[in-house]
């Protein structure tokens, strides 16, 4: 299994709109082969980025999603926010899960 973390620096005054944009897309990736889970992580400090964290069976399955019509549709019709909403560049990180412990994740609404 892998994790994919998109670290997205959002200006505080755009945080609510950013979260709303992701709420609108919630569940659209769920049926993709290899998809395991999605989490949107809100930073506890304004200067830290949001993290869009997804879990996939493999990097190949993740890459296949990024080449899919599903991905293109989600990202073209929904230009979430203008460039002014972001305080820096998005950073994509991919990690392989090599150890884990504990219960499965549960969604927390706030």
PDB file of N, CA and C in Angstrom:
ATOM      1  N   UNK A   1       0.855  -1.179   0.000  1.00  0.00           N
ATOM      2  CA  UNK A   1       0.000   0.000   0.000  1.00  0.00           C
ATOM      3  C   UNK A   1       0.893   1.232   0.000  1.00  0.00           C
ATOM      4  N   UNK A   2       0.381   2.305  -0.622  1.00  0.00           N
ATOM      5  CA  UNK A   2       1.090   3.587  -0.620  1.00  0.00           C
ATOM      6  C   UNK A   2       0.174   4.685  -0.088  1.00  0.00           C
ATOM      7  N   UNK A   3       0.803   5.771   0.326  1.00  0.00           N
ATOM      8  CA  UNK A   3       0.062   6.997   0.628  1.00  0.00           C
ATOM      9  C   UNK A   3       0.512   8.051  -0.365  1.00  0.00           C
ATOM     10  N   UNK A   4      -0.409   8.904  -0.736  1.00  0.00           N
ATOM     11  CA  UNK A   4      -0.107  10.052  -1.573  1.00  0.00           C
ATOM     12  C   UNK A   4      -0.546  11.280  -0.798  1.00  0.00           C
ATOM     13  N   UNK A   5       0.403  12.165  -0.535  1.00  0.00           N
ATOM     14  CA  UNK A   5       0.112  13.385   0.220  1.00  0.00           C
ATOM     15  C   UNK A   5       0.332  14.590  -0.685  1.00  0.00           C
ATOM     16  N   UNK A   6      -0.723  15.344  -0.914  1.00  0.00           N
ATOM     17  CA  UNK A   6      -0.629  16.624  -1.608  1.00  0.00           C
ATOM     18  C   UNK A   6      -0.624  17.700  -0.533  1.00  0.00           C
ATOM     19  N   UNK A   7       0.488  18.376  -0.385  1.00  0.00           N
ATOM     20  CA  UNK A   7       0.605  19.447   0.606  1.00  0.00           C
ATOM     21  C   UNK A   7       0.288  20.753  -0.114  1.00  0.00           C
ATOM     22  N   UNK A   8      -0.833  21.368   0.302  1.00  0.00           N
ATOM     23  CA  UNK A   8      -1.360  22.527  -0.423  1.00  0.00           C
ATOM     24  C   UNK A   8      -1.400  23.740   0.505  1.00  0.00           C
ATOM     25  N   UNK A   9      -0.535  24.726   0.273  1.00  0.00           N
ATOM     26  CA  UNK A   9      -0.531  25.918   1.113  1.00  0.00           C
ATOM     27  C   UNK A   9      -1.665  26.874   0.720  1.00  0.00           C
ATOM     28  N   UNK A  10      -2.631  27.014   1.608  1.00  0.00           N
ATOM     29  CA  UNK A  10      -3.818  27.829   1.352  1.00  0.00           C
ATOM     30  C   UNK A  10      -3.787  29.040   2.283  1.00  0.00           C
ATOM     31  N   UNK A  11      -4.031  30.203   1.715  1.00  0.00           N
ATOM     32  CA  UNK A  11      -4.121  31.412   2.548  1.00  0.00           C
ATOM     33  C   UNK A  11      -5.330  31.283   3.477  1.00  0.00           C
ATOM     34  N   UNK A  12      -5.192  31.702   4.725  1.00  0.00           N
ATOM     35  CA  UNK A  12      -6.265  31.525   5.713  1.00  0.00           C
ATOM     36  C   UNK A  12      -7.624  32.054   5.262  1.00  0.00           C
ATOM     37  N   UNK A  13      -7.653  33.157   4.543  1.00  0.00           N
ATOM     38  CA  UNK A  13      -8.930  33.732   4.121  1.00  0.00           C
ATOM     39  C   UNK A  13      -9.641  32.894   3.050  1.00  0.00           C
ATOM     40  N   UNK A  14      -8.952  31.889   2.495  1.00  0.00           N
ATOM     41  CA  UNK A  14      -9.553  31.004   1.493  1.00  0.00           C
ATOM     42  C   UNK A  14      -9.800  29.598   2.029  1.00  0.00           C
ATOM     43  N   UNK A  15      -9.513  29.363   3.296  1.00  0.00           N
ATOM     44  CA  UNK A  15      -9.614  28.015   3.867  1.00  0.00           C
ATOM     45  C   UNK A  15     -11.019  27.434   3.733  1.00  0.00           C
ATOM     46  N   UNK A  16     -12.027  28.209   4.044  1.00  0.00           N
ATOM     47  CA  UNK A  16     -13.402  27.702   3.986  1.00  0.00           C
ATOM     48  C   UNK A  16     -13.781  27.309   2.559  1.00  0.00           C
ATOM     49  N   UNK A  17     -13.457  28.152   1.594  1.00  0.00           N
ATOM     50  CA  UNK A  17     -13.767  27.839   0.193  1.00  0.00           C
ATOM     51  C   UNK A  17     -12.995  26.611  -0.278  1.00  0.00           C
ATOM     52  N   UNK A  18     -11.765  26.471   0.184  1.00  0.00           N
ATOM     53  CA  UNK A  18     -10.958  25.313  -0.172  1.00  0.00           C
ATOM     54  C   UNK A  18     -11.621  24.027   0.326  1.00  0.00           C
ATOM     55  N   UNK A  19     -12.036  24.029   1.576  1.00  0.00           N
ATOM     56  CA  UNK A  19     -12.689  22.851   2.147  1.00  0.00           C
ATOM     57  C   UNK A  19     -14.015  22.552   1.446  1.00  0.00           C
ATOM     58  N   UNK A  20     -14.762  23.587   1.098  1.00  0.00           N
ATOM     59  CA  UNK A  20     -16.028  23.397   0.379  1.00  0.00           C
ATOM     60  C   UNK A  20     -15.791  22.750  -0.985  1.00  0.00           C
ATOM     61  N   UNK A  21     -14.744  23.181  -1.659  1.00  0.00           N
ATOM     62  CA  UNK A  21     -14.440  22.624  -2.982  1.00  0.00           C
ATOM     63  C   UNK A  21     -14.143  21.133  -2.881  1.00  0.00           C
ATOM     64  N   UNK A  22     -13.413  20.729  -1.859  1.00  0.00           N
ATOM     65  CA  UNK A  22     -13.129  19.303  -1.692  1.00  0.00           C
ATOM     66  C   UNK A  22     -14.373  18.539  -1.247  1.00  0.00           C
ATOM     67  N   UNK A  23     -15.240  19.177  -0.488  1.00  0.00           N
ATOM     68  CA  UNK A  23     -16.491  18.530  -0.073  1.00  0.00           C
ATOM     69  C   UNK A  23     -17.340  18.177  -1.293  1.00  0.00           C
ATOM     70  N   UNK A  24     -17.335  19.059  -2.293  1.00  0.00           N
ATOM     71  CA  UNK A  24     -18.117  18.815  -3.506  1.00  0.00           C
ATOM     72  C   UNK A  24     -17.622  17.599  -4.276  1.00  0.00           C
ATOM     73  N   UNK A  25     -16.326  17.301  -4.152  1.00  0.00           N
ATOM     74  CA  UNK A  25     -15.740  16.176  -4.884  1.00  0.00           C
ATOM     75  C   UNK A  25     -15.679  14.900  -4.051  1.00  0.00           C
ATOM     76  N   UNK A  26     -16.136  14.974  -2.818  1.00  0.00           N
ATOM     77  CA  UNK A  26     -16.049  13.842  -1.900  1.00  0.00           C
ATOM     78  C   UNK A  26     -16.710  12.599  -2.503  1.00  0.00           C
ATOM     79  N   UNK A  27     -15.985  11.501  -2.519  1.00  0.00           N
ATOM     80  CA  UNK A  27     -16.514  10.237  -2.995  1.00  0.00           C
ATOM     81  C   UNK A  27     -16.304   9.957  -4.479  1.00  0.00           C
ATOM     82  N   UNK A  28     -15.864  10.933  -5.246  1.00  0.00           N
ATOM     83  CA  UNK A  28     -15.733  10.731  -6.690  1.00  0.00           C
ATOM     84  C   UNK A  28     -14.626   9.748  -7.054  1.00  0.00           C
ATOM     85  N   UNK A  29     -13.641   9.602  -6.208  1.00  0.00           N
ATOM     86  CA  UNK A  29     -12.534   8.695  -6.489  1.00  0.00           C
ATOM     87  C   UNK A  29     -12.775   7.304  -5.902  1.00  0.00           C
ATOM     88  N   UNK A  30     -13.791   7.171  -5.082  1.00  0.00           N
ATOM     89  CA  UNK A  30     -14.004   5.934  -4.310  1.00  0.00           C
ATOM     90  C   UNK A  30     -14.101   4.664  -5.150  1.00  0.00           C
ATOM     91  N   UNK A  31     -14.613   4.749  -6.350  1.00  0.00           N
ATOM     92  CA  UNK A  31     -14.819   3.557  -7.172  1.00  0.00           C
ATOM     93  C   UNK A  31     -13.622   3.218  -8.058  1.00  0.00           C
ATOM     94  N   UNK A  32     -12.549   3.991  -7.961  1.00  0.00           N
ATOM     95  CA  UNK A  32     -11.378   3.727  -8.796  1.00  0.00           C
ATOM     96  C   UNK A  32     -10.653   2.479  -8.312  1.00  0.00           C
ATOM     97  N   UNK A  33     -10.221   1.623  -9.229  1.00  0.00           N
ATOM     98  CA  UNK A  33      -9.474   0.422  -8.840  1.00  0.00           C
ATOM     99  C   UNK A  33      -8.232   0.797  -8.017  1.00  0.00           C
ATOM    100  N   UNK A  34      -8.066   0.116  -6.905  1.00  0.00           N
ATOM    101  CA  UNK A  34      -6.893   0.340  -6.067  1.00  0.00           C
ATOM    102  C   UNK A  34      -7.040   1.412  -5.022  1.00  0.00           C
ATOM    103  N   UNK A  35      -8.109   2.217  -5.091  1.00  0.00           N
ATOM    104  CA  UNK A  35      -8.314   3.269  -4.097  1.00  0.00           C
ATOM    105  C   UNK A  35      -8.703   2.639  -2.765  1.00  0.00           C
ATOM    106  N   UNK A  36      -8.096   3.144  -1.671  1.00  0.00           N
ATOM    107  CA  UNK A  36      -8.379   2.615  -0.335  1.00  0.00           C
ATOM    108  C   UNK A  36      -9.089   3.648   0.529  1.00  0.00           C
ATOM    109  N   UNK A  37      -8.530   4.858   0.648  1.00  0.00           N
ATOM    110  CA  UNK A  37      -9.109   5.856   1.553  1.00  0.00           C
ATOM    111  C   UNK A  37      -8.630   7.256   1.193  1.00  0.00           C
ATOM    112  N   UNK A  38      -9.378   8.240   1.688  1.00  0.00           N
ATOM    113  CA  UNK A  38      -9.092   9.666   1.475  1.00  0.00           C
ATOM    114  C   UNK A  38      -9.279  10.392   2.798  1.00  0.00           C
ATOM    115  N   UNK A  39      -8.397  11.346   3.066  1.00  0.00           N
ATOM    116  CA  UNK A  39      -8.516  12.234   4.223  1.00  0.00           C
ATOM    117  C   UNK A  39      -8.087  13.629   3.789  1.00  0.00           C
ATOM    118  N   UNK A  40      -8.829  14.637   4.229  1.00  0.00           N
ATOM    119  CA  UNK A  40      -8.397  16.024   4.066  1.00  0.00           C
ATOM    120  C   UNK A  40      -7.982  16.495   5.450  1.00  0.00           C
ATOM    121  N   UNK A  41      -6.718  16.880   5.585  1.00  0.00           N
ATOM    122  CA  UNK A  41      -6.168  17.288   6.868  1.00  0.00           C
ATOM    123  C   UNK A  41      -6.038  18.803   6.927  1.00  0.00           C
ATOM    124  N   UNK A  42      -6.713  19.396   7.899  1.00  0.00           N
ATOM    125  CA  UNK A  42      -6.662  20.844   8.110  1.00  0.00           C
ATOM    126  C   UNK A  42      -5.471  21.156   9.021  1.00  0.00           C
ATOM    127  N   UNK A  43      -4.646  22.132   8.654  1.00  0.00           N
ATOM    128  CA  UNK A  43      -3.494  22.460   9.498  1.00  0.00           C
ATOM    129  C   UNK A  43      -3.917  23.116  10.814  1.00  0.00           C
ATOM    130  N   UNK A  44      -3.155  22.855  11.850  1.00  0.00           N
ATOM    131  CA  UNK A  44      -3.440  23.490  13.136  1.00  0.00           C
ATOM    132  C   UNK A  44      -2.780  24.863  13.235  1.00  0.00           C
ATOM    133  N   UNK A  45      -1.818  25.133  12.350  1.00  0.00           N
ATOM    134  CA  UNK A  45      -1.192  26.460  12.276  1.00  0.00           C
ATOM    135  C   UNK A  45      -1.452  27.030  10.889  1.00  0.00           C
ATOM    136  N   UNK A  46      -1.807  28.300  10.831  1.00  0.00           N
ATOM    137  CA  UNK A  46      -2.150  28.936   9.547  1.00  0.00           C
ATOM    138  C   UNK A  46      -1.031  28.852   8.525  1.00  0.00           C
ATOM    139  N   UNK A  47       0.204  28.849   8.978  1.00  0.00           N
ATOM    140  CA  UNK A  47       1.326  28.845   8.029  1.00  0.00           C
ATOM    141  C   UNK A  47       1.625  27.447   7.457  1.00  0.00           C
ATOM    142  N   UNK A  48       0.998  26.417   8.003  1.00  0.00           N
ATOM    143  CA  UNK A  48       1.207  25.059   7.500  1.00  0.00           C
ATOM    144  C   UNK A  48       0.213  24.739   6.389  1.00  0.00           C
ATOM    145  N   UNK A  49       0.563  23.816   5.493  1.00  0.00           N
ATOM    146  CA  UNK A  49      -0.343  23.487   4.389  1.00  0.00           C
ATOM    147  C   UNK A  49      -1.446  22.520   4.794  1.00  0.00           C
ATOM    148  N   UNK A  50      -2.529  22.538   4.022  1.00  0.00           N
ATOM    149  CA  UNK A  50      -3.497  21.447   4.070  1.00  0.00           C
ATOM    150  C   UNK A  50      -2.791  20.221   3.502  1.00  0.00           C
ATOM    151  N   UNK A  51      -3.255  19.048   3.885  1.00  0.00           N
ATOM    152  CA  UNK A  51      -2.741  17.822   3.297  1.00  0.00           C
ATOM    153  C   UNK A  51      -3.930  17.005   2.795  1.00  0.00           C
ATOM    154  N   UNK A  52      -3.914  16.710   1.506  1.00  0.00           N
ATOM    155  CA  UNK A  52      -4.880  15.793   0.924  1.00  0.00           C
ATOM    156  C   UNK A  52      -4.168  14.449   0.903  1.00  0.00           C
ATOM    157  N   UNK A  53      -4.637  13.536   1.741  1.00  0.00           N
ATOM    158  CA  UNK A  53      -3.968  12.256   1.940  1.00  0.00           C
ATOM    159  C   UNK A  53      -4.834  11.136   1.391  1.00  0.00           C
ATOM    160  N   UNK A  54      -4.297  10.381   0.439  1.00  0.00           N
ATOM    161  CA  UNK A  54      -5.014   9.236  -0.096  1.00  0.00           C
ATOM    162  C   UNK A  54      -4.164   7.979   0.081  1.00  0.00           C
ATOM    163  N   UNK A  55      -4.849   6.857   0.156  1.00  0.00           N
ATOM    164  CA  UNK A  55      -4.208   5.556   0.287  1.00  0.00           C
ATOM    165  C   UNK A  55      -4.600   4.719  -0.925  1.00  0.00           C
ATOM    166  N   UNK A  56      -3.628   4.029  -1.492  1.00  0.00           N
ATOM    167  CA  UNK A  56      -3.826   3.225  -2.699  1.00  0.00           C
ATOM    168  C   UNK A  56      -3.169   1.869  -2.527  1.00  0.00           C
ATOM    169  N   UNK A  57      -3.702   0.855  -3.224  1.00  0.00           N
ATOM    170  CA  UNK A  57      -3.099  -0.475  -3.211  1.00  0.00           C
ATOM    171  C   UNK A  57      -1.666  -0.452  -3.728  1.00  0.00           C
ATOM    172  N   UNK A  58      -1.422   0.395  -4.737  1.00  0.00           N
ATOM    173  CA  UNK A  58      -0.096   0.450  -5.351  1.00  0.00           C
ATOM    174  C   UNK A  58       0.088   1.796  -6.048  1.00  0.00           C
ATOM    175  N   UNK A  59       1.342   2.123  -6.321  1.00  0.00           N
ATOM    176  CA  UNK A  59       1.615   3.354  -7.060  1.00  0.00           C
ATOM    177  C   UNK A  59       1.065   3.249  -8.481  1.00  0.00           C
ATOM    178  N   UNK A  60       1.094   2.059  -9.054  1.00  0.00           N
ATOM    179  CA  UNK A  60       0.565   1.857 -10.409  1.00  0.00           C
ATOM    180  C   UNK A  60      -0.923   2.204 -10.472  1.00  0.00           C
ATOM    181  N   UNK A  61      -1.676   1.810  -9.451  1.00  0.00           N
ATOM    182  CA  UNK A  61      -3.120   2.117  -9.421  1.00  0.00           C
ATOM    183  C   UNK A  61      -3.336   3.621  -9.270  1.00  0.00           C
ATOM    184  N   UNK A  62      -2.528   4.269  -8.432  1.00  0.00           N
ATOM    185  CA  UNK A  62      -2.622   5.724  -8.285  1.00  0.00           C
ATOM    186  C   UNK A  62      -2.324   6.400  -9.619  1.00  0.00           C
ATOM    187  N   UNK A  63      -1.242   5.998 -10.272  1.00  0.00           N
ATOM    188  CA  UNK A  63      -0.858   6.613 -11.554  1.00  0.00           C
ATOM    189  C   UNK A  63      -1.938   6.376 -12.607  1.00  0.00           C
ATOM    190  N   UNK A  64      -2.546   5.200 -12.586  1.00  0.00           N
ATOM    191  CA  UNK A  64      -3.637   4.921 -13.538  1.00  0.00           C
ATOM    192  C   UNK A  64      -4.798   5.880 -13.305  1.00  0.00           C
ATOM    193  N   UNK A  65      -5.110   6.176 -12.035  1.00  0.00           N
ATOM    194  CA  UNK A  65      -6.179   7.134 -11.750  1.00  0.00           C
ATOM    195  C   UNK A  65      -5.832   8.507 -12.306  1.00  0.00           C
ATOM    196  N   UNK A  66      -4.574   8.939 -12.149  1.00  0.00           N
ATOM    197  CA  UNK A  66      -4.189  10.274 -12.627  1.00  0.00           C
ATOM    198  C   UNK A  66      -4.249  10.375 -14.149  1.00  0.00           C
ATOM    199  N   UNK A  67      -4.277   9.241 -14.833  1.00  0.00           N
ATOM    200  CA  UNK A  67      -4.386   9.228 -16.291  1.00  0.00           C
ATOM    201  C   UNK A  67      -5.814   8.961 -16.764  1.00  0.00           C
ATOM    202  N   UNK A  68      -6.735   8.799 -15.811  1.00  0.00           N
ATOM    203  CA  UNK A  68      -8.100   8.402 -16.150  1.00  0.00           C
ATOM    204  C   UNK A  68      -8.991   9.588 -16.525  1.00  0.00           C
ATOM    205  N   UNK A  69     -10.082   9.254 -17.209  1.00  0.00           N
ATOM    206  CA  UNK A  69     -11.097  10.257 -17.543  1.00  0.00           C
ATOM    207  C   UNK A  69     -11.720  10.818 -16.263  1.00  0.00           C
ATOM    208  N   UNK A  70     -11.903   9.971 -15.257  1.00  0.00           N
ATOM    209  CA  UNK A  70     -12.433  10.380 -13.949  1.00  0.00           C
ATOM    210  C   UNK A  70     -11.590  11.517 -13.374  1.00  0.00           C
ATOM    211  N   UNK A  71     -10.285  11.351 -13.383  1.00  0.00           N
ATOM    212  CA  UNK A  71      -9.362  12.361 -12.862  1.00  0.00           C
ATOM    213  C   UNK A  71      -9.470  13.655 -13.672  1.00  0.00           C
ATOM    214  N   UNK A  72      -9.435  13.527 -14.989  1.00  0.00           N
ATOM    215  CA  UNK A  72      -9.512  14.724 -15.854  1.00  0.00           C
ATOM    216  C   UNK A  72     -10.803  15.493 -15.619  1.00  0.00           C
ATOM    217  N   UNK A  73     -11.912  14.779 -15.524  1.00  0.00           N
ATOM    218  CA  UNK A  73     -13.201  15.439 -15.289  1.00  0.00           C
ATOM    219  C   UNK A  73     -13.216  16.166 -13.945  1.00  0.00           C
ATOM    220  N   UNK A  74     -12.738  15.514 -12.900  1.00  0.00           N
ATOM    221  CA  UNK A  74     -12.728  16.126 -11.572  1.00  0.00           C
ATOM    222  C   UNK A  74     -11.885  17.398 -11.550  1.00  0.00           C
ATOM    223  N   UNK A  75     -10.788  17.392 -12.254  1.00  0.00           N
ATOM    224  CA  UNK A  75      -9.858  18.506 -12.170  1.00  0.00           C
ATOM    225  C   UNK A  75     -10.104  19.596 -13.209  1.00  0.00           C
ATOM    226  N   UNK A  76     -10.841  19.297 -14.265  1.00  0.00           N
ATOM    227  CA  UNK A  76     -11.075  20.351 -15.254  1.00  0.00           C
ATOM    228  C   UNK A  76     -12.331  21.160 -14.948  1.00  0.00           C
ATOM    229  N   UNK A  77     -13.420  20.516 -14.596  1.00  0.00           N
ATOM    230  CA  UNK A  77     -14.670  21.253 -14.394  1.00  0.00           C
ATOM    231  C   UNK A  77     -14.668  22.013 -13.083  1.00  0.00           C
ATOM    232  N   UNK A  78     -13.713  21.736 -12.264  1.00  0.00           N
ATOM    233  CA  UNK A  78     -13.728  22.264 -10.919  1.00  0.00           C
ATOM    234  C   UNK A  78     -12.382  22.916 -10.613  1.00  0.00           C
ATOM    235  N   UNK A  79     -12.093  23.996 -11.295  1.00  0.00           N
ATOM    236  CA  UNK A  79     -10.895  24.776 -10.958  1.00  0.00           C
ATOM    237  C   UNK A  79     -11.216  25.411  -9.629  1.00  0.00           C
ATOM    238  N   UNK A  80     -10.815  24.751  -8.558  1.00  0.00           N
ATOM    239  CA  UNK A  80     -11.291  25.052  -7.208  1.00  0.00           C
ATOM    240  C   UNK A  80     -11.229  26.529  -6.848  1.00  0.00           C
ATOM    241  N   UNK A  81     -10.057  27.078  -6.899  1.00  0.00           N
ATOM    242  CA  UNK A  81      -9.861  28.464  -6.490  1.00  0.00           C
ATOM    243  C   UNK A  81      -8.846  29.110  -7.416  1.00  0.00           C
ATOM    244  N   UNK A  82      -8.851  30.419  -7.458  1.00  0.00           N
ATOM    245  CA  UNK A  82      -7.856  31.121  -8.259  1.00  0.00           C
ATOM    246  C   UNK A  82      -6.489  30.994  -7.593  1.00  0.00           C
ATOM    247  N   UNK A  83      -5.467  31.289  -8.350  1.00  0.00           N
ATOM    248  CA  UNK A  83      -4.096  31.179  -7.841  1.00  0.00           C
ATOM    249  C   UNK A  83      -3.853  32.044  -6.606  1.00  0.00           C
ATOM    250  N   UNK A  84      -4.618  33.128  -6.460  1.00  0.00           N
ATOM    251  CA  UNK A  84      -4.427  34.018  -5.313  1.00  0.00           C
ATOM    252  C   UNK A  84      -4.752  33.347  -3.972  1.00  0.00           C
ATOM    253  N   UNK A  85      -5.467  32.213  -4.003  1.00  0.00           N
ATOM    254  CA  UNK A  85      -5.841  31.514  -2.779  1.00  0.00           C
ATOM    255  C   UNK A  85      -4.676  30.742  -2.158  1.00  0.00           C
ATOM    256  N   UNK A  86      -3.619  30.568  -2.922  1.00  0.00           N
ATOM    257  CA  UNK A  86      -2.522  29.720  -2.474  1.00  0.00           C
ATOM    258  C   UNK A  86      -1.285  30.548  -2.124  1.00  0.00           C
ATOM    259  N   UNK A  87      -0.616  30.124  -1.064  1.00  0.00           N
ATOM    260  CA  UNK A  87       0.545  30.875  -0.589  1.00  0.00           C
ATOM    261  C   UNK A  87       1.863  30.249  -1.028  1.00  0.00           C
ATOM    262  N   UNK A  88       1.804  29.267  -1.880  1.00  0.00           N
ATOM    263  CA  UNK A  88       3.012  28.609  -2.369  1.00  0.00           C
ATOM    264  C   UNK A  88       2.651  27.492  -3.317  1.00  0.00           C
ATOM    265  N   UNK A  89       3.638  26.664  -3.625  1.00  0.00           N
ATOM    266  CA  UNK A  89       3.439  25.561  -4.564  1.00  0.00           C
ATOM    267  C   UNK A  89       2.953  24.307  -3.846  1.00  0.00           C
ATOM    268  N   UNK A  90       2.163  23.532  -4.570  1.00  0.00           N
ATOM    269  CA  UNK A  90       1.696  22.236  -4.075  1.00  0.00           C
ATOM    270  C   UNK A  90       2.874  21.266  -4.146  1.00  0.00           C
ATOM    271  N   UNK A  91       2.994  20.455  -3.111  1.00  0.00           N
ATOM    272  CA  UNK A  91       4.053  19.445  -3.092  1.00  0.00           C
ATOM    273  C   UNK A  91       3.401  18.068  -3.000  1.00  0.00           C
ATOM    274  N   UNK A  92       3.731  17.193  -3.935  1.00  0.00           N
ATOM    275  CA  UNK A  92       3.216  15.836  -3.958  1.00  0.00           C
ATOM    276  C   UNK A  92       4.263  14.898  -3.373  1.00  0.00           C
ATOM    277  N   UNK A  93       3.840  14.053  -2.437  1.00  0.00           N
ATOM    278  CA  UNK A  93       4.732  13.062  -1.835  1.00  0.00           C
ATOM    279  C   UNK A  93       4.070  11.697  -1.914  1.00  0.00           C
ATOM    280  N   UNK A  94       4.836  10.693  -2.278  1.00  0.00           N
ATOM    281  CA  UNK A  94       4.343   9.323  -2.313  1.00  0.00           C
ATOM    282  C   UNK A  94       5.226   8.499  -1.380  1.00  0.00           C
ATOM    283  N   UNK A  95       4.563   7.762  -0.498  1.00  0.00           N
ATOM    284  CA  UNK A  95       5.276   6.910   0.453  1.00  0.00           C
ATOM    285  C   UNK A  95       4.707   5.501   0.413  1.00  0.00           C
ATOM    286  N   UNK A  96       5.573   4.529   0.590  1.00  0.00           N
ATOM    287  CA  UNK A  96       5.132   3.143   0.719  1.00  0.00           C
ATOM    288  C   UNK A  96       4.896   2.857   2.193  1.00  0.00           C
ATOM    289  N   UNK A  97       3.771   2.235   2.499  1.00  0.00           N
ATOM    290  CA  UNK A  97       3.472   1.836   3.873  1.00  0.00           C
ATOM    291  C   UNK A  97       4.295   0.590   4.172  1.00  0.00           C
ATOM    292  N   UNK A  98       5.173   0.679   5.172  1.00  0.00           N
ATOM    293  CA  UNK A  98       6.010  -0.462   5.517  1.00  0.00           C
ATOM    294  C   UNK A  98       5.665  -1.036   6.888  1.00  0.00           C
ATOM    295  N   UNK A  99       4.971  -0.265   7.698  1.00  0.00           N
ATOM    296  CA  UNK A  99       4.507  -0.732   9.001  1.00  0.00           C
ATOM    297  C   UNK A  99       3.203  -0.033   9.322  1.00  0.00           C
ATOM    298  N   UNK A 100       2.364  -0.690  10.098  1.00  0.00           N
ATOM    299  CA  UNK A 100       1.145  -0.040  10.571  1.00  0.00           C
ATOM    300  C   UNK A 100       0.670  -0.720  11.844  1.00  0.00           C
ATOM    301  N   UNK A 101      -0.126   0.002  12.585  1.00  0.00           N
ATOM    302  CA  UNK A 101      -0.657  -0.495  13.845  1.00  0.00           C
ATOM    303  C   UNK A 101      -1.957   0.240  14.137  1.00  0.00           C
ATOM    304  N   UNK A 102      -2.800  -0.339  14.955  1.00  0.00           N
ATOM    305  CA  UNK A 102      -4.010   0.360  15.381  1.00  0.00           C
ATOM    306  C   UNK A 102      -5.214   0.009  14.544  1.00  0.00           C
ATOM    307  N   UNK A 103      -6.315   0.603  14.943  1.00  0.00           N
ATOM    308  CA  UNK A 103      -7.603   0.372  14.281  1.00  0.00           C
ATOM    309  C   UNK A 103      -7.690   1.133  12.977  1.00  0.00           C
ATOM    310  N   UNK A 104      -8.578   0.708  12.081  1.00  0.00           N
ATOM    311  CA  UNK A 104      -8.796   1.451  10.829  1.00  0.00           C
ATOM    312  C   UNK A 104      -9.270   2.882  11.133  1.00  0.00           C
ATOM    313  N   UNK A 105      -9.015   3.766  10.209  1.00  0.00           N
ATOM    314  CA  UNK A 105      -9.417   5.161  10.347  1.00  0.00           C
ATOM    315  C   UNK A 105     -10.920   5.287  10.390  1.00  0.00           C
ATOM    316  N   UNK A 106     -11.374   6.296  11.089  1.00  0.00           N
ATOM    317  CA  UNK A 106     -12.787   6.665  11.045  1.00  0.00           C
ATOM    318  C   UNK A 106     -12.856   8.131  10.674  1.00  0.00           C
ATOM    319  N   UNK A 107     -13.893   8.492   9.941  1.00  0.00           N
ATOM    320  CA  UNK A 107     -14.061   9.881   9.532  1.00  0.00           C
ATOM    321  C   UNK A 107     -14.521  10.707  10.716  1.00  0.00           C
ATOM    322  N   UNK A 108     -13.895  11.875  10.850  1.00  0.00           N
ATOM    323  CA  UNK A 108     -14.254  12.807  11.920  1.00  0.00           C
ATOM    324  C   UNK A 108     -14.799  14.061  11.255  1.00  0.00           C
ATOM    325  N   UNK A 109     -16.022  14.424  11.572  1.00  0.00           N
ATOM    326  CA  UNK A 109     -16.593  15.661  11.022  1.00  0.00           C
ATOM    327  C   UNK A 109     -16.381  16.774  12.012  1.00  0.00           C
ATOM    328  N   UNK A 110     -16.094  17.944  11.497  1.00  0.00           N
ATOM    329  CA  UNK A 110     -15.920  19.083  12.395  1.00  0.00           C
ATOM    330  C   UNK A 110     -16.788  20.216  11.939  1.00  0.00           C
TER     331      UNK A 110
END
